[in-house]
Amino acid sequence: MTVTVFIPQQLRSYTGGLTSVQVSGRTVDEALRALDHAYPGIRFRFIDEQNRIRVHMRVFVDGGRTRTLTQKLGPKAEIHVFGALSGG
């Protein structure tokens, strides 16, 4: 399945400035692994060593937030990744 992953501003240096990338995958995990294969190192920025979405990252699939990498993807799914901002 073709999946579109929308890349947050702070990670676009990995994709050469691309705002979205098309990859293949039947689950969120497969899609993010395909993304990392095309753009090495990007997956680690939002997935931790225990294979979980990092606490400061938000991942949405077709408009709904997911907290799991095992979520199934439909045809032409869209994954949006957001990084939390802080300041003070």
Protein backbone atom coordinates (compact mmCIF):
# COMPACT_ATOMS: atom_id res chain seq x y z
CA MET A 1 0.00 0.00 0.00
CA THR A 2 1.17 3.50 -0.73
CA VAL A 3 1.30 5.67 2.36
CA THR A 4 2.03 9.39 2.53
CA VAL A 5 4.07 10.48 5.54
CA PHE A 6 4.01 14.20 6.31
CA ILE A 7 7.34 15.31 7.76
CA PRO A 8 7.49 17.93 10.54
CA GLN A 9 9.65 21.00 10.00
CA GLN A 10 12.30 19.92 12.53
CA LEU A 11 12.94 16.64 10.64
CA ARG A 12 12.95 17.91 7.06
CA SER A 13 16.74 18.01 7.01
CA TYR A 14 16.56 14.20 6.76
CA THR A 15 14.36 14.38 3.66
CA GLY A 16 16.22 17.16 1.89
CA GLY A 17 13.42 19.58 2.70
CA LEU A 18 10.54 17.43 1.50
CA THR A 19 7.32 18.07 3.39
CA SER A 20 5.87 14.64 2.56
CA VAL A 21 7.20 11.30 1.37
CA GLN A 22 5.46 8.29 -0.12
CA VAL A 23 6.39 4.86 1.22
CA SER A 24 4.87 1.38 1.40
CA GLY A 25 3.49 -0.33 4.47
CA ARG A 26 0.53 -2.20 5.90
CA THR A 27 1.07 -0.88 9.44
CA VAL A 28 2.47 2.31 10.93
CA ASP A 29 5.63 0.39 11.86
CA GLU A 30 6.18 -0.90 8.31
CA ALA A 31 5.64 2.57 6.86
CA LEU A 32 8.08 4.19 9.29
CA ARG A 33 10.68 1.49 8.64
CA ALA A 34 10.31 2.13 4.90
CA LEU A 35 10.72 5.85 5.59
CA ASP A 36 13.90 5.14 7.55
CA HIS A 37 15.21 2.94 4.74
CA ALA A 38 14.83 5.86 2.33
CA TYR A 39 16.03 8.48 4.85
CA PRO A 40 18.35 6.78 7.36
CA GLY A 41 18.11 7.97 10.94
CA ILE A 42 14.73 9.69 10.72
CA ARG A 43 12.76 6.91 12.47
CA PHE A 44 14.86 7.14 15.62
CA ARG A 45 13.78 10.75 16.01
CA PHE A 46 10.21 9.69 16.76
CA ILE A 47 10.51 6.02 17.81
CA ASP A 48 12.46 5.07 20.95
CA GLU A 49 14.67 2.08 21.78
CA GLN A 50 11.64 0.11 23.05
CA ASN A 51 9.94 0.53 19.65
CA ARG A 52 7.39 3.02 21.00
CA ILE A 53 6.40 6.46 19.80
CA ARG A 54 8.44 8.97 21.79
CA VAL A 55 6.46 10.85 24.44
CA HIS A 56 7.12 14.23 22.84
CA MET A 57 5.94 13.10 19.39
CA ARG A 58 2.38 12.78 18.11
CA VAL A 59 1.46 10.48 15.24
CA PHE A 60 -1.87 10.72 13.45
CA VAL A 61 -3.22 8.26 10.90
CA ASP A 62 -5.95 9.56 8.61
CA GLY A 63 -6.79 12.30 11.11
CA GLY A 64 -6.89 10.17 14.27
CA ARG A 65 -4.09 9.98 16.84
CA THR A 66 -2.38 6.64 17.25
CA ARG A 67 -0.23 5.50 20.14
CA THR A 68 0.72 2.18 18.62
CA LEU A 69 2.92 1.14 15.72
CA THR A 70 0.78 -1.91 15.00
CA GLN A 71 -2.13 0.14 13.69
CA LYS A 72 -3.22 -1.09 10.29
CA LEU A 73 -3.16 1.30 7.36
CA GLY A 74 -5.76 1.55 4.67
CA PRO A 75 -5.13 2.20 1.01
CA LYS A 76 -3.63 5.65 0.47
CA ALA A 77 -3.28 6.26 4.21
CA GLU A 78 -1.80 9.50 5.50
CA ILE A 79 0.52 9.66 8.49
CA HIS A 80 1.18 13.04 10.09
CA VAL A 81 4.03 13.35 12.59
CA PHE A 82 4.22 16.30 14.97
CA GLY A 83 6.88 17.19 17.51
CA ALA A 84 5.93 18.89 20.73
CA LEU A 85 7.15 22.44 21.18
CA SER A 86 8.15 23.95 24.46
CA GLY A 87 9.54 27.21 25.61
CA GLY A 88 9.25 29.74 28.27
